[in-house]
Amino acid sequence: MVDLHKLEAAAKAATPGAWKWFQVEDGGARVNPADGGLVIAKLDIREPFSPQQNADAEFIATANPAVVLELIAEVHRQNLVIDDLATLVRRLCRQLRKAEPAGEQHNRLSDQALDYLKGKGLDASVLRSE
């Protein structure tokens, strides 16, 4: 599993902003901030650039700290949505059991839903009280 806290700290410590890459005269490539500045990375390539090396340099420039921080924020947003949905399923299961306590079919469905949440580690909400 990815350590988002470590990744976030690394992204915040790195050179901010958009990055770009370009080939240099000695046959290598450099990654610099898009607005200029110091070299962030230098690829030492002695033979002509291959399509894979072009793709690697483009990836390094594209996966800049701003993009990484945006992806981490999206993961956090999605985790909140998952937590909300899990809370809703638990509440629906309780209401279903109250509405028809003797309904074996409904209780089985509730059990399956709750077992699924438990199997995914979503059986307890850290953000919501129930």
N, C-alpha and C. Protein backbone atom coordinates (compact mmCIF):
# COMPACT_ATOMS: atom_id res chain seq x y z
N MET A 1 0.84 -1.17 0.00
CA MET A 1 0.00 0.00 0.00
C MET A 1 0.88 1.24 0.00
N VAL A 2 0.43 2.27 -0.68
CA VAL A 2 1.17 3.52 -0.79
C VAL A 2 1.03 4.31 0.51
N ASP A 3 2.14 4.82 1.03
CA ASP A 3 2.13 5.67 2.21
C ASP A 3 1.86 7.10 1.75
N LEU A 4 0.58 7.51 1.82
CA LEU A 4 0.20 8.83 1.31
C LEU A 4 0.84 9.96 2.11
N HIS A 5 1.03 9.77 3.39
CA HIS A 5 1.65 10.82 4.20
C HIS A 5 3.10 11.05 3.77
N LYS A 6 3.83 9.98 3.53
CA LYS A 6 5.22 10.08 3.08
C LYS A 6 5.29 10.70 1.69
N LEU A 7 4.39 10.27 0.81
CA LEU A 7 4.35 10.81 -0.55
C LEU A 7 3.98 12.29 -0.54
N GLU A 8 3.03 12.67 0.31
CA GLU A 8 2.64 14.07 0.42
C GLU A 8 3.80 14.92 0.94
N ALA A 9 4.50 14.44 1.94
CA ALA A 9 5.64 15.18 2.48
C ALA A 9 6.72 15.36 1.42
N ALA A 10 6.97 14.32 0.65
CA ALA A 10 7.98 14.41 -0.42
C ALA A 10 7.55 15.41 -1.49
N ALA A 11 6.28 15.39 -1.85
CA ALA A 11 5.78 16.32 -2.87
C ALA A 11 5.86 17.76 -2.38
N LYS A 12 5.55 17.98 -1.11
CA LYS A 12 5.61 19.35 -0.56
C LYS A 12 7.05 19.85 -0.45
N ALA A 13 8.01 18.94 -0.27
CA ALA A 13 9.41 19.32 -0.15
C ALA A 13 10.08 19.54 -1.51
N ALA A 14 9.50 19.00 -2.57
CA ALA A 14 10.09 19.08 -3.91
C ALA A 14 9.84 20.46 -4.53
N THR A 15 10.51 20.73 -5.63
CA THR A 15 10.33 21.99 -6.35
C THR A 15 8.88 22.09 -6.81
N PRO A 16 8.17 23.15 -6.42
CA PRO A 16 6.75 23.26 -6.75
C PRO A 16 6.52 23.65 -8.21
N GLY A 17 5.26 23.52 -8.60
CA GLY A 17 4.84 23.97 -9.92
C GLY A 17 4.97 22.92 -11.00
N ALA A 18 4.61 23.35 -12.20
CA ALA A 18 4.69 22.46 -13.36
C ALA A 18 6.15 22.26 -13.75
N TRP A 19 6.42 21.11 -14.31
CA TRP A 19 7.77 20.81 -14.78
C TRP A 19 7.73 20.55 -16.28
N LYS A 20 8.87 20.69 -16.95
CA LYS A 20 8.98 20.36 -18.37
C LYS A 20 10.31 19.64 -18.58
N TRP A 21 10.39 18.92 -19.66
CA TRP A 21 11.65 18.24 -19.97
C TRP A 21 12.07 18.64 -21.37
N PHE A 22 13.37 18.55 -21.61
CA PHE A 22 13.89 18.80 -22.94
C PHE A 22 15.23 18.11 -23.10
N GLN A 23 15.56 17.81 -24.34
CA GLN A 23 16.85 17.19 -24.64
C GLN A 23 17.92 18.27 -24.60
N VAL A 24 19.12 17.84 -24.20
CA VAL A 24 20.25 18.77 -24.17
C VAL A 24 21.28 18.33 -25.19
N GLU A 25 22.20 19.19 -25.46
CA GLU A 25 23.17 18.95 -26.54
C GLU A 25 24.01 17.71 -26.35
N ASP A 26 24.29 17.33 -25.10
CA ASP A 26 25.15 16.16 -24.88
C ASP A 26 24.40 14.83 -25.07
N GLY A 27 23.12 14.91 -25.49
CA GLY A 27 22.34 13.70 -25.74
C GLY A 27 21.46 13.28 -24.60
N GLY A 28 21.58 13.94 -23.48
CA GLY A 28 20.74 13.61 -22.33
C GLY A 28 19.46 14.41 -22.33
N ALA A 29 18.84 14.47 -21.18
CA ALA A 29 17.61 15.25 -21.01
C ALA A 29 17.64 15.88 -19.63
N ARG A 30 16.95 17.01 -19.51
CA ARG A 30 16.82 17.67 -18.22
C ARG A 30 15.35 17.92 -17.94
N VAL A 31 15.05 17.91 -16.65
CA VAL A 31 13.72 18.29 -16.20
C VAL A 31 13.90 19.55 -15.37
N ASN A 32 13.22 20.61 -15.75
CA ASN A 32 13.30 21.90 -15.08
C ASN A 32 11.90 22.36 -14.72
N PRO A 33 11.80 23.30 -13.77
CA PRO A 33 10.50 23.93 -13.57
C PRO A 33 10.07 24.60 -14.88
N ALA A 34 8.79 24.60 -15.16
CA ALA A 34 8.30 25.16 -16.42
C ALA A 34 8.63 26.64 -16.55
N ASP A 35 8.75 27.33 -15.41
CA ASP A 35 9.07 28.76 -15.46
C ASP A 35 10.57 29.03 -15.36
N GLY A 36 11.39 28.02 -15.62
CA GLY A 36 12.84 28.18 -15.54
C GLY A 36 13.35 27.71 -14.19
N GLY A 37 14.56 28.03 -13.86
CA GLY A 37 15.10 27.64 -12.57
C GLY A 37 16.10 26.52 -12.69
N LEU A 38 16.47 25.98 -11.54
CA LEU A 38 17.50 24.95 -11.48
C LEU A 38 17.01 23.62 -12.05
N VAL A 39 17.97 22.83 -12.49
CA VAL A 39 17.65 21.50 -13.02
C VAL A 39 17.12 20.62 -11.89
N ILE A 40 16.01 19.98 -12.13
CA ILE A 40 15.41 19.07 -11.15
C ILE A 40 15.99 17.67 -11.31
N ALA A 41 16.11 17.24 -12.55
CA ALA A 41 16.66 15.92 -12.84
C ALA A 41 17.39 15.98 -14.17
N LYS A 42 18.40 15.13 -14.28
CA LYS A 42 19.14 15.04 -15.54
C LYS A 42 19.26 13.57 -15.90
N LEU A 43 18.86 13.24 -17.11
CA LEU A 43 18.97 11.88 -17.61
C LEU A 43 20.21 11.82 -18.49
N ASP A 44 21.10 10.92 -18.17
CA ASP A 44 22.35 10.78 -18.92
C ASP A 44 22.17 9.67 -19.94
N ILE A 45 21.95 10.05 -21.17
CA ILE A 45 21.68 9.07 -22.24
C ILE A 45 22.70 9.31 -23.34
N ARG A 46 23.50 8.29 -23.62
CA ARG A 46 24.59 8.46 -24.58
C ARG A 46 24.17 8.13 -26.02
N GLU A 47 23.20 7.26 -26.18
CA GLU A 47 22.77 6.94 -27.55
C GLU A 47 21.53 7.76 -27.88
N PRO A 48 21.07 7.74 -29.11
CA PRO A 48 19.87 8.52 -29.47
C PRO A 48 18.67 8.13 -28.59
N PHE A 49 17.84 9.12 -28.31
CA PHE A 49 16.65 8.90 -27.49
C PHE A 49 15.74 7.86 -28.13
N SER A 50 15.33 6.91 -27.33
CA SER A 50 14.35 5.93 -27.80
C SER A 50 12.95 6.42 -27.43
N PRO A 51 11.91 5.86 -28.02
CA PRO A 51 10.55 6.24 -27.62
C PRO A 51 10.32 5.99 -26.12
N GLN A 52 10.91 4.93 -25.57
CA GLN A 52 10.73 4.66 -24.14
C GLN A 52 11.38 5.74 -23.29
N GLN A 53 12.56 6.19 -23.69
CA GLN A 53 13.24 7.25 -22.94
C GLN A 53 12.47 8.57 -23.03
N ASN A 54 11.88 8.84 -24.19
CA ASN A 54 11.02 10.01 -24.32
C ASN A 54 9.84 9.91 -23.36
N ALA A 55 9.23 8.73 -23.31
CA ALA A 55 8.09 8.51 -22.43
C ALA A 55 8.49 8.65 -20.96
N ASP A 56 9.68 8.13 -20.60
CA ASP A 56 10.15 8.23 -19.22
C ASP A 56 10.38 9.69 -18.82
N ALA A 57 11.02 10.46 -19.68
CA ALA A 57 11.27 11.88 -19.39
C ALA A 57 9.95 12.64 -19.28
N GLU A 58 9.01 12.35 -20.14
CA GLU A 58 7.70 13.00 -20.09
C GLU A 58 6.97 12.65 -18.80
N PHE A 59 7.07 11.40 -18.37
CA PHE A 59 6.43 10.98 -17.12
C PHE A 59 7.02 11.71 -15.92
N ILE A 60 8.34 11.79 -15.87
CA ILE A 60 9.00 12.48 -14.75
C ILE A 60 8.52 13.93 -14.67
N ALA A 61 8.45 14.60 -15.82
CA ALA A 61 8.01 15.99 -15.83
C ALA A 61 6.52 16.12 -15.49
N THR A 62 5.71 15.17 -15.94
CA THR A 62 4.26 15.23 -15.71
C THR A 62 3.89 14.90 -14.27
N ALA A 63 4.62 13.99 -13.65
CA ALA A 63 4.33 13.58 -12.27
C ALA A 63 5.00 14.54 -11.29
N ASN A 64 4.72 15.81 -11.47
CA ASN A 64 5.33 16.83 -10.62
C ASN A 64 4.59 16.93 -9.29
N PRO A 65 5.15 17.65 -8.32
CA PRO A 65 4.53 17.73 -6.99
C PRO A 65 3.08 18.21 -7.00
N ALA A 66 2.75 19.17 -7.84
CA ALA A 66 1.37 19.67 -7.88
C ALA A 66 0.40 18.56 -8.28
N VAL A 67 0.78 17.74 -9.25
CA VAL A 67 -0.07 16.63 -9.69
C VAL A 67 -0.19 15.59 -8.59
N VAL A 68 0.91 15.26 -7.94
CA VAL A 68 0.89 14.28 -6.85
C VAL A 68 -0.01 14.76 -5.71
N LEU A 69 0.09 16.03 -5.35
CA LEU A 69 -0.74 16.57 -4.27
C LEU A 69 -2.22 16.56 -4.67
N GLU A 70 -2.51 16.81 -5.92
CA GLU A 70 -3.89 16.75 -6.40
C GLU A 70 -4.43 15.32 -6.34
N LEU A 71 -3.62 14.36 -6.72
CA LEU A 71 -4.04 12.95 -6.64
C LEU A 71 -4.28 12.51 -5.19
N ILE A 72 -3.42 12.94 -4.28
CA ILE A 72 -3.60 12.61 -2.87
C ILE A 72 -4.90 13.22 -2.35
N ALA A 73 -5.18 14.46 -2.72
CA ALA A 73 -6.43 15.11 -2.30
C ALA A 73 -7.64 14.35 -2.84
N GLU A 74 -7.54 13.87 -4.06
CA GLU A 74 -8.65 13.09 -4.65
C GLU A 74 -8.84 11.76 -3.92
N VAL A 75 -7.76 11.12 -3.53
CA VAL A 75 -7.87 9.88 -2.74
C VAL A 75 -8.59 10.17 -1.44
N HIS A 76 -8.25 11.26 -0.78
CA HIS A 76 -8.91 11.63 0.48
C HIS A 76 -10.40 11.90 0.25
N ARG A 77 -10.73 12.60 -0.84
CA ARG A 77 -12.14 12.87 -1.14
C ARG A 77 -12.90 11.57 -1.40
N GLN A 78 -12.30 10.66 -2.13
CA GLN A 78 -12.96 9.38 -2.43
C GLN A 78 -13.12 8.54 -1.17
N ASN A 79 -12.16 8.60 -0.27
CA ASN A 79 -12.28 7.87 0.99
C ASN A 79 -13.45 8.39 1.82
N LEU A 80 -13.70 9.69 1.78
CA LEU A 80 -14.86 10.25 2.48
C LEU A 80 -16.16 9.75 1.85
N VAL A 81 -16.21 9.67 0.54
CA VAL A 81 -17.40 9.16 -0.15
C VAL A 81 -17.63 7.70 0.24
N ILE A 82 -16.59 6.91 0.24
CA ILE A 82 -16.70 5.49 0.62
C ILE A 82 -17.20 5.38 2.05
N ASP A 83 -16.66 6.19 2.93
CA ASP A 83 -17.08 6.17 4.33
C ASP A 83 -18.55 6.54 4.45
N ASP A 84 -18.99 7.56 3.73
CA ASP A 84 -20.40 7.96 3.75
C ASP A 84 -21.30 6.83 3.25
N LEU A 85 -20.90 6.19 2.16
CA LEU A 85 -21.71 5.10 1.61
C LEU A 85 -21.77 3.91 2.57
N ALA A 86 -20.66 3.59 3.20
CA ALA A 86 -20.65 2.48 4.16
C ALA A 86 -21.56 2.79 5.34
N THR A 87 -21.53 4.03 5.80
CA THR A 87 -22.41 4.43 6.90
C THR A 87 -23.87 4.31 6.48
N LEU A 88 -24.18 4.73 5.27
CA LEU A 88 -25.54 4.63 4.76
C LEU A 88 -26.00 3.18 4.67
N VAL A 89 -25.15 2.29 4.19
CA VAL A 89 -25.51 0.86 4.09
C VAL A 89 -25.78 0.29 5.48
N ARG A 90 -24.94 0.62 6.45
CA ARG A 90 -25.17 0.11 7.81
C ARG A 90 -26.51 0.60 8.35
N ARG A 91 -26.82 1.85 8.13
CA ARG A 91 -28.09 2.40 8.61
C ARG A 91 -29.28 1.74 7.91
N LEU A 92 -29.16 1.55 6.60
CA LEU A 92 -30.23 0.88 5.86
C LEU A 92 -30.44 -0.55 6.36
N CYS A 93 -29.36 -1.24 6.66
CA CYS A 93 -29.47 -2.61 7.19
C CYS A 93 -30.21 -2.61 8.53
N ARG A 94 -29.90 -1.68 9.37
CA ARG A 94 -30.59 -1.61 10.67
C ARG A 94 -32.07 -1.32 10.48
N GLN A 95 -32.39 -0.39 9.57
CA GLN A 95 -33.79 -0.06 9.32
C GLN A 95 -34.54 -1.24 8.73
N LEU A 96 -33.89 -1.99 7.87
CA LEU A 96 -34.51 -3.16 7.26
C LEU A 96 -34.82 -4.21 8.32
N ARG A 97 -33.91 -4.41 9.23
CA ARG A 97 -34.14 -5.38 10.32
C ARG A 97 -35.27 -4.92 11.23
N LYS A 98 -35.37 -3.63 11.50
CA LYS A 98 -36.44 -3.11 12.35
C LYS A 98 -37.80 -3.24 11.66
N ALA A 99 -37.83 -3.00 10.37
CA ALA A 99 -39.09 -3.02 9.63
C ALA A 99 -39.66 -4.42 9.51
N GLU A 100 -38.79 -5.41 9.40
CA GLU A 100 -39.25 -6.78 9.23
C GLU A 100 -38.29 -7.73 9.94
N PRO A 101 -38.37 -7.75 11.29
CA PRO A 101 -37.41 -8.55 12.06
C PRO A 101 -37.46 -10.03 11.74
N ALA A 102 -38.60 -10.55 11.34
CA ALA A 102 -38.71 -11.98 11.08
C ALA A 102 -38.43 -12.31 9.62
N GLY A 103 -38.18 -11.31 8.81
CA GLY A 103 -37.97 -11.54 7.38
C GLY A 103 -36.60 -12.14 7.11
N GLU A 104 -36.56 -13.44 6.95
CA GLU A 104 -35.28 -14.14 6.78
C GLU A 104 -34.53 -13.65 5.54
N GLN A 105 -35.25 -13.41 4.45
CA GLN A 105 -34.61 -12.96 3.21
C GLN A 105 -33.94 -11.59 3.42
N HIS A 106 -34.64 -10.68 4.08
CA HIS A 106 -34.09 -9.36 4.32
C HIS A 106 -32.89 -9.42 5.27
N ASN A 107 -33.00 -10.23 6.31
CA ASN A 107 -31.89 -10.36 7.24
C ASN A 107 -30.67 -10.94 6.56
N ARG A 108 -30.87 -11.89 5.65
CA ARG A 108 -29.75 -12.47 4.91
C ARG A 108 -29.07 -11.40 4.05
N LEU A 109 -29.89 -10.57 3.40
CA LEU A 109 -29.34 -9.48 2.59
C LEU A 109 -28.57 -8.49 3.47
N SER A 110 -29.13 -8.16 4.62
CA SER A 110 -28.44 -7.27 5.56
C SER A 110 -27.12 -7.88 5.99
N ASP A 111 -27.14 -9.17 6.32
CA ASP A 111 -25.92 -9.86 6.74
C ASP A 111 -24.86 -9.83 5.63
N GLN A 112 -25.30 -10.05 4.39
CA GLN A 112 -24.35 -10.04 3.27
C GLN A 112 -23.74 -8.65 3.10
N ALA A 113 -24.57 -7.62 3.20
CA ALA A 113 -24.07 -6.24 3.05
C ALA A 113 -23.08 -5.91 4.16
N LEU A 114 -23.43 -6.26 5.38
CA LEU A 114 -22.53 -5.97 6.50
C LEU A 114 -21.26 -6.80 6.44
N ASP A 115 -21.36 -8.05 6.00
CA ASP A 115 -20.17 -8.88 5.83
C ASP A 115 -19.24 -8.29 4.76
N TYR A 116 -19.83 -7.78 3.69
CA TYR A 116 -19.03 -7.15 2.63
C TYR A 116 -18.27 -5.96 3.20
N LEU A 117 -18.97 -5.09 3.93
CA LEU A 117 -18.31 -3.92 4.52
C LEU A 117 -17.19 -4.34 5.45
N LYS A 118 -17.47 -5.35 6.26
CA LYS A 118 -16.44 -5.83 7.20
C LYS A 118 -15.23 -6.37 6.45
N GLY A 119 -15.47 -7.13 5.38
CA GLY A 119 -14.39 -7.69 4.58
C GLY A 119 -13.52 -6.63 3.92
N LYS A 120 -14.11 -5.46 3.67
CA LYS A 120 -13.37 -4.36 3.05
C LYS A 120 -12.81 -3.38 4.08
N GLY A 121 -12.98 -3.73 5.37
CA GLY A 121 -12.49 -2.86 6.43
C GLY A 121 -13.34 -1.62 6.63
N LEU A 122 -14.61 -1.68 6.22
CA LEU A 122 -15.50 -0.53 6.30
C LEU A 122 -16.61 -0.72 7.34
N ASP A 123 -16.38 -1.62 8.27
CA ASP A 123 -17.43 -1.93 9.25
C ASP A 123 -17.54 -0.90 10.35
N ALA A 124 -16.57 -0.04 10.49
CA ALA A 124 -16.63 1.03 11.50
C ALA A 124 -16.22 2.34 10.85
N SER A 125 -16.99 3.35 11.09
CA SER A 125 -16.70 4.66 10.53
C SER A 125 -15.88 5.47 11.52
N VAL A 126 -14.75 5.97 11.05
CA VAL A 126 -13.94 6.82 11.92
C VAL A 126 -14.40 8.27 11.87
N LEU A 127 -15.21 8.61 10.88
CA LEU A 127 -15.62 10.00 10.71
C LEU A 127 -17.06 10.27 11.12
N ARG A 128 -17.86 9.25 11.20
CA ARG A 128 -19.27 9.43 11.47
C ARG A 128 -19.67 8.70 12.73
N SER A 129 -20.54 9.31 13.51
CA SER A 129 -21.10 8.61 14.65
C SER A 129 -22.42 7.99 14.21
N GLU A 130 -22.72 6.90 14.80
CA GLU A 130 -23.95 6.21 14.39
C GLU A 130 -24.95 6.18 15.50
